[in-house]
PDB file of all heavy atoms in Angstrom:
ATOM      1  N   SER A   1       0.840  -1.205   0.000  1.00  0.00           N
ATOM      2  CA  SER A   1       0.000   0.000   0.000  1.00  0.00           C
ATOM      3  C   SER A   1       0.871   1.250   0.000  1.00  0.00           C
ATOM      4  O   SER A   1       2.065   1.179   0.310  1.00  0.00           O
ATOM      5  CB  SER A   1      -0.892   0.025   1.251  1.00  0.00           C
ATOM      6  OG  SER A   1      -1.736  -1.105   1.299  1.00  0.00           O
ATOM      7  N   THR A   2       0.256   2.389  -0.325  1.00  0.00           N
ATOM      8  CA  THR A   2       0.965   3.666  -0.243  1.00  0.00           C
ATOM      9  C   THR A   2       0.681   4.329   1.105  1.00  0.00           C
ATOM     10  O   THR A   2      -0.170   3.887   1.866  1.00  0.00           O
ATOM     11  CB  THR A   2       0.541   4.607  -1.390  1.00  0.00           C
ATOM     12  OG1 THR A   2      -0.881   4.562  -1.518  1.00  0.00           O
ATOM     13  CG2 THR A   2       1.184   4.204  -2.703  1.00  0.00           C
ATOM     14  N   VAL A   3       1.426   5.402   1.389  1.00  0.00           N
ATOM     15  CA  VAL A   3       1.305   6.126   2.650  1.00  0.00           C
ATOM     16  C   VAL A   3       0.835   7.544   2.346  1.00  0.00           C
ATOM     17  O   VAL A   3       1.357   8.197   1.431  1.00  0.00           O
ATOM     18  CB  VAL A   3       2.666   6.160   3.380  1.00  0.00           C
ATOM     19  CG1 VAL A   3       2.624   7.050   4.612  1.00  0.00           C
ATOM     20  CG2 VAL A   3       3.095   4.735   3.760  1.00  0.00           C
ATOM     21  N   CYS A   4      -0.159   8.032   3.087  1.00  0.00           N
ATOM     22  CA  CYS A   4      -0.694   9.374   2.840  1.00  0.00           C
ATOM     23  C   CYS A   4       0.258  10.438   3.379  1.00  0.00           C
ATOM     24  O   CYS A   4       0.782  10.299   4.485  1.00  0.00           O
ATOM     25  CB  CYS A   4      -2.053   9.529   3.514  1.00  0.00           C
ATOM     26  SG  CYS A   4      -3.224   8.276   2.972  1.00  0.00           S
ATOM     27  N   ASN A   5       0.456  11.510   2.597  1.00  0.00           N
ATOM     28  CA  ASN A   5       1.404  12.533   3.045  1.00  0.00           C
ATOM     29  C   ASN A   5       0.764  13.603   3.924  1.00  0.00           C
ATOM     30  O   ASN A   5       1.411  14.575   4.291  1.00  0.00           O
ATOM     31  CB  ASN A   5       2.142  13.168   1.853  1.00  0.00           C
ATOM     32  CG  ASN A   5       1.264  14.104   1.027  1.00  0.00           C
ATOM     33  OD1 ASN A   5       0.047  14.189   1.239  1.00  0.00           O
ATOM     34  ND2 ASN A   5       1.871  14.790   0.082  1.00  0.00           N
ATOM     35  N   SER A   6      -0.511  13.400   4.308  1.00  0.00           N
ATOM     36  CA  SER A   6      -1.188  14.390   5.155  1.00  0.00           C
ATOM     37  C   SER A   6      -0.492  14.569   6.507  1.00  0.00           C
ATOM     38  O   SER A   6      -0.543  15.638   7.102  1.00  0.00           O
ATOM     39  CB  SER A   6      -2.661  14.000   5.356  1.00  0.00           C
ATOM     40  OG  SER A   6      -2.766  12.615   5.626  1.00  0.00           O
ATOM     41  N   THR A   7       0.166  13.514   7.003  1.00  0.00           N
ATOM     42  CA  THR A   7       0.927  13.639   8.260  1.00  0.00           C
ATOM     43  C   THR A   7       2.369  13.150   8.056  1.00  0.00           C
ATOM     44  O   THR A   7       3.015  12.686   8.991  1.00  0.00           O
ATOM     45  CB  THR A   7       0.293  12.798   9.393  1.00  0.00           C
ATOM     46  OG1 THR A   7       0.193  11.434   8.948  1.00  0.00           O
ATOM     47  CG2 THR A   7      -1.094  13.311   9.754  1.00  0.00           C
ATOM     48  N   TRP A   8       2.849  13.238   6.825  1.00  0.00           N
ATOM     49  CA  TRP A   8       4.204  12.753   6.522  1.00  0.00           C
ATOM     50  C   TRP A   8       5.193  13.908   6.680  1.00  0.00           C
ATOM     51  O   TRP A   8       5.476  14.648   5.750  1.00  0.00           O
ATOM     52  CB  TRP A   8       4.256  12.186   5.108  1.00  0.00           C
ATOM     53  CG  TRP A   8       5.569  11.525   4.773  1.00  0.00           C
ATOM     54  CD1 TRP A   8       6.529  11.983   3.921  1.00  0.00           C
ATOM     55  CD2 TRP A   8       6.051  10.268   5.273  1.00  0.00           C
ATOM     56  NE1 TRP A   8       7.572  11.098   3.867  1.00  0.00           N
ATOM     57  CE2 TRP A   8       7.312  10.038   4.692  1.00  0.00           C
ATOM     58  CE3 TRP A   8       5.542   9.329   6.175  1.00  0.00           C
ATOM     59  CZ2 TRP A   8       8.069   8.890   4.964  1.00  0.00           C
ATOM     60  CZ3 TRP A   8       6.294   8.202   6.446  1.00  0.00           C
ATOM     61  CH2 TRP A   8       7.539   7.991   5.841  1.00  0.00           C
ATOM     62  N   TYR A   9       5.681  14.080   7.908  1.00  0.00           N
ATOM     63  CA  TYR A   9       6.585  15.187   8.215  1.00  0.00           C
ATOM     64  C   TYR A   9       8.013  14.677   8.369  1.00  0.00           C
ATOM     65  O   TYR A   9       8.301  13.506   8.139  1.00  0.00           O
ATOM     66  CB  TYR A   9       6.114  15.910   9.483  1.00  0.00           C
ATOM     67  CG  TYR A   9       4.732  16.492   9.337  1.00  0.00           C
ATOM     68  CD1 TYR A   9       3.678  16.030  10.134  1.00  0.00           C
ATOM     69  CD2 TYR A   9       4.467  17.474   8.383  1.00  0.00           C
ATOM     70  CE1 TYR A   9       2.396  16.557   9.993  1.00  0.00           C
ATOM     71  CE2 TYR A   9       3.182  18.003   8.235  1.00  0.00           C
ATOM     72  CZ  TYR A   9       2.152  17.541   9.043  1.00  0.00           C
ATOM     73  OH  TYR A   9       0.894  18.050   8.900  1.00  0.00           O
ATOM     74  N   ARG A  10       8.892  15.567   8.806  1.00  0.00           N
ATOM     75  CA  ARG A  10      10.307  15.206   8.898  1.00  0.00           C
ATOM     76  C   ARG A  10      10.546  14.027   9.865  1.00  0.00           C
ATOM     77  O   ARG A  10      11.369  13.155   9.597  1.00  0.00           O
ATOM     78  CB  ARG A  10      11.118  16.431   9.344  1.00  0.00           C
ATOM     79  CG  ARG A  10      12.601  16.166   9.272  1.00  0.00           C
ATOM     80  CD  ARG A  10      13.469  17.406   9.334  1.00  0.00           C
ATOM     81  NE  ARG A  10      14.832  16.990   9.047  1.00  0.00           N
ATOM     82  CZ  ARG A  10      15.369  17.001   7.840  1.00  0.00           C
ATOM     83  NH1 ARG A  10      14.676  17.429   6.800  1.00  0.00           N
ATOM     84  NH2 ARG A  10      16.614  16.581   7.660  1.00  0.00           N
ATOM     85  N   THR A  11       9.799  13.998  10.974  1.00  0.00           N
ATOM     86  CA  THR A  11       9.993  12.916  11.950  1.00  0.00           C
ATOM     87  C   THR A  11       9.683  11.558  11.323  1.00  0.00           C
ATOM     88  O   THR A  11      10.473  10.607  11.437  1.00  0.00           O
ATOM     89  CB  THR A  11       9.098  13.132  13.192  1.00  0.00           C
ATOM     90  OG1 THR A  11       9.375  14.418  13.723  1.00  0.00           O
ATOM     91  CG2 THR A  11       9.372  12.084  14.261  1.00  0.00           C
ATOM     92  N   GLU A  12       8.539  11.455  10.663  1.00  0.00           N
ATOM     93  CA  GLU A  12       8.143  10.189  10.039  1.00  0.00           C
ATOM     94  C   GLU A  12       9.166   9.763   8.989  1.00  0.00           C
ATOM     95  O   GLU A  12       9.569   8.593   8.929  1.00  0.00           O
ATOM     96  CB  GLU A  12       6.755  10.320   9.397  1.00  0.00           C
ATOM     97  CG  GLU A  12       5.596  10.436  10.383  1.00  0.00           C
ATOM     98  CD  GLU A  12       5.445  11.808  11.033  1.00  0.00           C
ATOM     99  OE1 GLU A  12       6.057  12.794  10.555  1.00  0.00           O
ATOM    100  OE2 GLU A  12       4.723  11.895  12.033  1.00  0.00           O
ATOM    101  N   ALA A  13       9.575  10.732   8.162  1.00  0.00           N
ATOM    102  CA  ALA A  13      10.539  10.429   7.101  1.00  0.00           C
ATOM    103  C   ALA A  13      11.890  10.007   7.672  1.00  0.00           C
ATOM    104  O   ALA A  13      12.554   9.098   7.152  1.00  0.00           O
ATOM    105  CB  ALA A  13      10.699  11.647   6.188  1.00  0.00           C
ATOM    106  N   THR A  14      12.298  10.643   8.785  1.00  0.00           N
ATOM    107  CA  THR A  14      13.568  10.299   9.428  1.00  0.00           C
ATOM    108  C   THR A  14      13.532   8.874   9.971  1.00  0.00           C
ATOM    109  O   THR A  14      14.486   8.101   9.804  1.00  0.00           O
ATOM    110  CB  THR A  14      13.866  11.274  10.593  1.00  0.00           C
ATOM    111  OG1 THR A  14      13.918  12.599  10.058  1.00  0.00           O
ATOM    112  CG2 THR A  14      15.199  10.953  11.266  1.00  0.00           C
ATOM    113  N   VAL A  15      12.412   8.509  10.628  1.00  0.00           N
ATOM    114  CA  VAL A  15      12.265   7.144  11.154  1.00  0.00           C
ATOM    115  C   VAL A  15      12.449   6.135  10.025  1.00  0.00           C
ATOM    116  O   VAL A  15      13.172   5.140  10.173  1.00  0.00           O
ATOM    117  CB  VAL A  15      10.887   6.957  11.839  1.00  0.00           C
ATOM    118  CG1 VAL A  15      10.615   5.483  12.149  1.00  0.00           C
ATOM    119  CG2 VAL A  15      10.816   7.785  13.117  1.00  0.00           C
ATOM    120  N   LEU A  16      11.818   6.400   8.875  1.00  0.00           N
ATOM    121  CA  LEU A  16      11.906   5.450   7.770  1.00  0.00           C
ATOM    122  C   LEU A  16      13.317   5.380   7.195  1.00  0.00           C
ATOM    123  O   LEU A  16      13.841   4.287   6.964  1.00  0.00           O
ATOM    124  CB  LEU A  16      10.902   5.794   6.672  1.00  0.00           C
ATOM    125  CG  LEU A  16      10.900   4.776   5.514  1.00  0.00           C
ATOM    126  CD1 LEU A  16      10.571   3.372   6.006  1.00  0.00           C
ATOM    127  CD2 LEU A  16       9.933   5.197   4.433  1.00  0.00           C
ATOM    128  N   CYS A  17      13.944   6.526   6.945  1.00  0.00           N
ATOM    129  CA  CYS A  17      15.310   6.519   6.404  1.00  0.00           C
ATOM    130  C   CYS A  17      16.238   5.697   7.294  1.00  0.00           C
ATOM    131  O   CYS A  17      17.022   4.878   6.819  1.00  0.00           O
ATOM    132  CB  CYS A  17      15.863   7.937   6.265  1.00  0.00           C
ATOM    133  SG  CYS A  17      15.151   8.890   4.900  1.00  0.00           S
ATOM    134  N   ARG A  18      16.114   5.888   8.605  1.00  0.00           N
ATOM    135  CA  ARG A  18      16.991   5.170   9.542  1.00  0.00           C
ATOM    136  C   ARG A  18      16.673   3.683   9.593  1.00  0.00           C
ATOM    137  O   ARG A  18      17.575   2.852   9.644  1.00  0.00           O
ATOM    138  CB  ARG A  18      16.894   5.789  10.935  1.00  0.00           C
ATOM    139  CG  ARG A  18      17.516   7.173  10.967  1.00  0.00           C
ATOM    140  CD  ARG A  18      17.463   7.808  12.343  1.00  0.00           C
ATOM    141  NE  ARG A  18      18.000   9.175  12.292  1.00  0.00           N
ATOM    142  CZ  ARG A  18      18.035   9.990  13.346  1.00  0.00           C
ATOM    143  NH1 ARG A  18      17.560   9.590  14.512  1.00  0.00           N
ATOM    144  NH2 ARG A  18      18.538  11.208  13.225  1.00  0.00           N
ATOM    145  N   THR A  19      15.382   3.344   9.561  1.00  0.00           N
ATOM    146  CA  THR A  19      14.988   1.928   9.557  1.00  0.00           C
ATOM    147  C   THR A  19      15.566   1.209   8.342  1.00  0.00           C
ATOM    148  O   THR A  19      15.974   0.057   8.434  1.00  0.00           O
ATOM    149  CB  THR A  19      13.447   1.786   9.522  1.00  0.00           C
ATOM    150  OG1 THR A  19      12.890   2.494  10.627  1.00  0.00           O
ATOM    151  CG2 THR A  19      13.015   0.337   9.613  1.00  0.00           C
ATOM    152  N   LEU A  20      15.589   1.888   7.206  1.00  0.00           N
ATOM    153  CA  LEU A  20      16.081   1.279   5.967  1.00  0.00           C
ATOM    154  C   LEU A  20      17.605   1.333   5.861  1.00  0.00           C
ATOM    155  O   LEU A  20      18.167   0.887   4.871  1.00  0.00           O
ATOM    156  CB  LEU A  20      15.454   1.978   4.754  1.00  0.00           C
ATOM    157  CG  LEU A  20      13.939   1.843   4.591  1.00  0.00           C
ATOM    158  CD1 LEU A  20      13.442   2.682   3.425  1.00  0.00           C
ATOM    159  CD2 LEU A  20      13.533   0.383   4.411  1.00  0.00           C
ATOM    160  N   GLY A  21      18.269   1.907   6.870  1.00  0.00           N
ATOM    161  CA  GLY A  21      19.727   2.044   6.822  1.00  0.00           C
ATOM    162  C   GLY A  21      20.174   3.047   5.788  1.00  0.00           C
ATOM    163  O   GLY A  21      21.236   2.912   5.176  1.00  0.00           O
ATOM    164  N   CYS A  22      19.355   4.080   5.572  1.00  0.00           N
ATOM    165  CA  CYS A  22      19.587   5.051   4.495  1.00  0.00           C
ATOM    166  C   CYS A  22      19.987   6.433   5.004  1.00  0.00           C
ATOM    167  O   CYS A  22      19.917   7.411   4.261  1.00  0.00           O
ATOM    168  CB  CYS A  22      18.332   5.171   3.634  1.00  0.00           C
ATOM    169  SG  CYS A  22      18.014   3.717   2.608  1.00  0.00           S
ATOM    170  N   GLY A  23      20.378   6.537   6.278  1.00  0.00           N
ATOM    171  CA  GLY A  23      20.839   7.834   6.776  1.00  0.00           C
ATOM    172  C   GLY A  23      19.689   8.746   7.169  1.00  0.00           C
ATOM    173  O   GLY A  23      18.752   8.328   7.838  1.00  0.00           O
ATOM    174  N   ASP A  24      19.760  10.008   6.730  1.00  0.00           N
ATOM    175  CA  ASP A  24      18.758  11.004   7.110  1.00  0.00           C
ATOM    176  C   ASP A  24      17.997  11.546   5.905  1.00  0.00           C
ATOM    177  O   ASP A  24      18.304  11.238   4.763  1.00  0.00           O
ATOM    178  CB  ASP A  24      19.420  12.158   7.881  1.00  0.00           C
ATOM    179  CG  ASP A  24      19.276  11.950   9.394  1.00  0.00           C
ATOM    180  OD1 ASP A  24      18.163  11.582   9.813  1.00  0.00           O
ATOM    181  OD2 ASP A  24      20.257  12.148  10.130  1.00  0.00           O
ATOM    182  N   VAL A  25      17.014  12.397   6.189  1.00  0.00           N
ATOM    183  CA  VAL A  25      16.110  12.890   5.144  1.00  0.00           C
ATOM    184  C   VAL A  25      16.719  14.058   4.379  1.00  0.00           C
ATOM    185  O   VAL A  25      17.252  14.990   4.981  1.00  0.00           O
ATOM    186  CB  VAL A  25      14.797  13.401   5.786  1.00  0.00           C
ATOM    187  CG1 VAL A  25      13.798  13.798   4.717  1.00  0.00           C
ATOM    188  CG2 VAL A  25      14.220  12.352   6.703  1.00  0.00           C
ATOM    189  N   LEU A  26      16.600  14.015   3.061  1.00  0.00           N
ATOM    190  CA  LEU A  26      16.941  15.173   2.231  1.00  0.00           C
ATOM    191  C   LEU A  26      15.672  15.875   1.738  1.00  0.00           C
ATOM    192  O   LEU A  26      15.549  17.085   1.838  1.00  0.00           O
ATOM    193  CB  LEU A  26      17.783  14.744   1.018  1.00  0.00           C
ATOM    194  CG  LEU A  26      19.243  14.354   1.282  1.00  0.00           C
ATOM    195  CD1 LEU A  26      19.881  13.869  -0.011  1.00  0.00           C
ATOM    196  CD2 LEU A  26      20.035  15.532   1.846  1.00  0.00           C
ATOM    197  N   GLN A  27      14.741  15.082   1.183  1.00  0.00           N
ATOM    198  CA  GLN A  27      13.506  15.669   0.622  1.00  0.00           C
ATOM    199  C   GLN A  27      12.327  14.750   0.907  1.00  0.00           C
ATOM    200  O   GLN A  27      12.506  13.565   1.178  1.00  0.00           O
ATOM    201  CB  GLN A  27      13.637  15.797  -0.900  1.00  0.00           C
ATOM    202  CG  GLN A  27      14.648  16.806  -1.382  1.00  0.00           C
ATOM    203  CD  GLN A  27      14.876  16.574  -2.881  1.00  0.00           C
ATOM    204  OE1 GLN A  27      15.668  15.724  -3.282  1.00  0.00           O
ATOM    205  NE2 GLN A  27      14.155  17.313  -3.704  1.00  0.00           N
ATOM    206  N   ARG A  28      11.126  15.339   0.784  1.00  0.00           N
ATOM    207  CA  ARG A  28       9.894  14.557   0.945  1.00  0.00           C
ATOM    208  C   ARG A  28       8.987  14.809  -0.265  1.00  0.00           C
ATOM    209  O   ARG A  28       8.013  15.544  -0.174  1.00  0.00           O
ATOM    210  CB  ARG A  28       9.193  14.941   2.249  1.00  0.00           C
ATOM    211  CG  ARG A  28       9.934  14.451   3.498  1.00  0.00           C
ATOM    212  CD  ARG A  28       9.269  14.853   4.797  1.00  0.00           C
ATOM    213  NE  ARG A  28       9.463  16.276   5.103  1.00  0.00           N
ATOM    214  CZ  ARG A  28       8.490  17.150   5.267  1.00  0.00           C
ATOM    215  NH1 ARG A  28       7.235  16.785   5.129  1.00  0.00           N
ATOM    216  NH2 ARG A  28       8.761  18.402   5.551  1.00  0.00           N
ATOM    217  N   PRO A  29       9.305  14.216  -1.410  1.00  0.00           N
ATOM    218  CA  PRO A  29       8.485  14.441  -2.608  1.00  0.00           C
ATOM    219  C   PRO A  29       7.123  13.743  -2.499  1.00  0.00           C
ATOM    220  O   PRO A  29       6.941  12.858  -1.660  1.00  0.00           O
ATOM    221  CB  PRO A  29       9.310  13.813  -3.733  1.00  0.00           C
ATOM    222  CG  PRO A  29      10.141  12.768  -3.054  1.00  0.00           C
ATOM    223  CD  PRO A  29      10.430  13.292  -1.670  1.00  0.00           C
ATOM    224  N   ALA A  30       6.184  14.178  -3.329  1.00  0.00           N
ATOM    225  CA  ALA A  30       4.842  13.574  -3.344  1.00  0.00           C
ATOM    226  C   ALA A  30       4.625  12.820  -4.651  1.00  0.00           C
ATOM    227  O   ALA A  30       5.153  13.186  -5.696  1.00  0.00           O
ATOM    228  CB  ALA A  30       3.787  14.665  -3.191  1.00  0.00           C
ATOM    229  N   PHE A  31       3.843  11.756  -4.567  1.00  0.00           N
ATOM    230  CA  PHE A  31       3.534  10.909  -5.721  1.00  0.00           C
ATOM    231  C   PHE A  31       2.028  10.652  -5.753  1.00  0.00           C
ATOM    232  O   PHE A  31       1.307  11.037  -4.843  1.00  0.00           O
ATOM    233  CB  PHE A  31       4.272   9.563  -5.597  1.00  0.00           C
ATOM    234  CG  PHE A  31       5.773   9.678  -5.606  1.00  0.00           C
ATOM    235  CD1 PHE A  31       6.472   9.920  -4.423  1.00  0.00           C
ATOM    236  CD2 PHE A  31       6.495   9.561  -6.782  1.00  0.00           C
ATOM    237  CE1 PHE A  31       7.861  10.027  -4.417  1.00  0.00           C
ATOM    238  CE2 PHE A  31       7.881   9.669  -6.790  1.00  0.00           C
ATOM    239  CZ  PHE A  31       8.562   9.896  -5.608  1.00  0.00           C
ATOM    240  N   GLY A  32       1.571   9.972  -6.797  1.00  0.00           N
ATOM    241  CA  GLY A  32       0.163   9.571  -6.856  1.00  0.00           C
ATOM    242  C   GLY A  32      -0.057   8.267  -6.116  1.00  0.00           C
ATOM    243  O   GLY A  32       0.857   7.461  -5.974  1.00  0.00           O
ATOM    244  N   HIS A  33      -1.286   8.067  -5.633  1.00  0.00           N
ATOM    245  CA  HIS A  33      -1.668   6.787  -5.025  1.00  0.00           C
ATOM    246  C   HIS A  33      -2.097   5.830  -6.136  1.00  0.00           C
ATOM    247  O   HIS A  33      -3.059   6.109  -6.840  1.00  0.00           O
ATOM    248  CB  HIS A  33      -2.872   6.969  -4.093  1.00  0.00           C
ATOM    249  CG  HIS A  33      -2.586   7.712  -2.825  1.00  0.00           C
ATOM    250  ND1 HIS A  33      -1.817   7.210  -1.807  1.00  0.00           N
ATOM    251  CD2 HIS A  33      -3.005   8.937  -2.406  1.00  0.00           C
ATOM    252  CE1 HIS A  33      -1.769   8.071  -0.811  1.00  0.00           C
ATOM    253  NE2 HIS A  33      -2.477   9.133  -1.147  1.00  0.00           N
ATOM    254  N   THR A  34      -1.415   4.697  -6.297  1.00  0.00           N
ATOM    255  CA  THR A  34      -1.861   3.736  -7.310  1.00  0.00           C
ATOM    256  C   THR A  34      -2.004   2.321  -6.760  1.00  0.00           C
ATOM    257  O   THR A  34      -2.293   1.394  -7.502  1.00  0.00           O
ATOM    258  CB  THR A  34      -0.871   3.681  -8.496  1.00  0.00           C
ATOM    259  OG1 THR A  34       0.438   3.392  -7.973  1.00  0.00           O
ATOM    260  CG2 THR A  34      -0.836   4.997  -9.257  1.00  0.00           C
ATOM    261  N   LEU A  35      -1.802   2.154  -5.447  1.00  0.00           N
ATOM    262  CA  LEU A  35      -1.933   0.823  -4.847  1.00  0.00           C
ATOM    263  C   LEU A  35      -3.255   0.729  -4.078  1.00  0.00           C
ATOM    264  O   LEU A  35      -3.862   1.745  -3.761  1.00  0.00           O
ATOM    265  CB  LEU A  35      -0.738   0.554  -3.912  1.00  0.00           C
ATOM    266  CG  LEU A  35       0.619   0.461  -4.624  1.00  0.00           C
ATOM    267  CD1 LEU A  35       1.755   0.334  -3.628  1.00  0.00           C
ATOM    268  CD2 LEU A  35       0.645  -0.716  -5.596  1.00  0.00           C
ATOM    269  N   PRO A  36      -3.717  -0.483  -3.755  1.00  0.00           N
ATOM    270  CA  PRO A  36      -5.064  -0.629  -3.184  1.00  0.00           C
ATOM    271  C   PRO A  36      -5.274   0.015  -1.815  1.00  0.00           C
ATOM    272  O   PRO A  36      -6.352   0.541  -1.540  1.00  0.00           O
ATOM    273  CB  PRO A  36      -5.253  -2.150  -3.092  1.00  0.00           C
ATOM    274  CG  PRO A  36      -3.898  -2.744  -3.228  1.00  0.00           C
ATOM    275  CD  PRO A  36      -3.096  -1.795  -4.040  1.00  0.00           C
ATOM    276  N   GLY A  37      -4.261  -0.036  -0.946  1.00  0.00           N
ATOM    277  CA  GLY A  37      -4.473   0.450   0.411  1.00  0.00           C
ATOM    278  C   GLY A  37      -3.775   1.771   0.681  1.00  0.00           C
ATOM    279  O   GLY A  37      -2.907   2.209  -0.074  1.00  0.00           O
TER     280      GLY A  37
END
């Protein structure tokens, strides 16, 4: 599923970057929703 950007702030993005072993956040671009959930 995709994630809604209505509450996608720096904290949320930072948690994900670190979980994936990808360091810290540079940008938070927006995309279209094309998955079911």
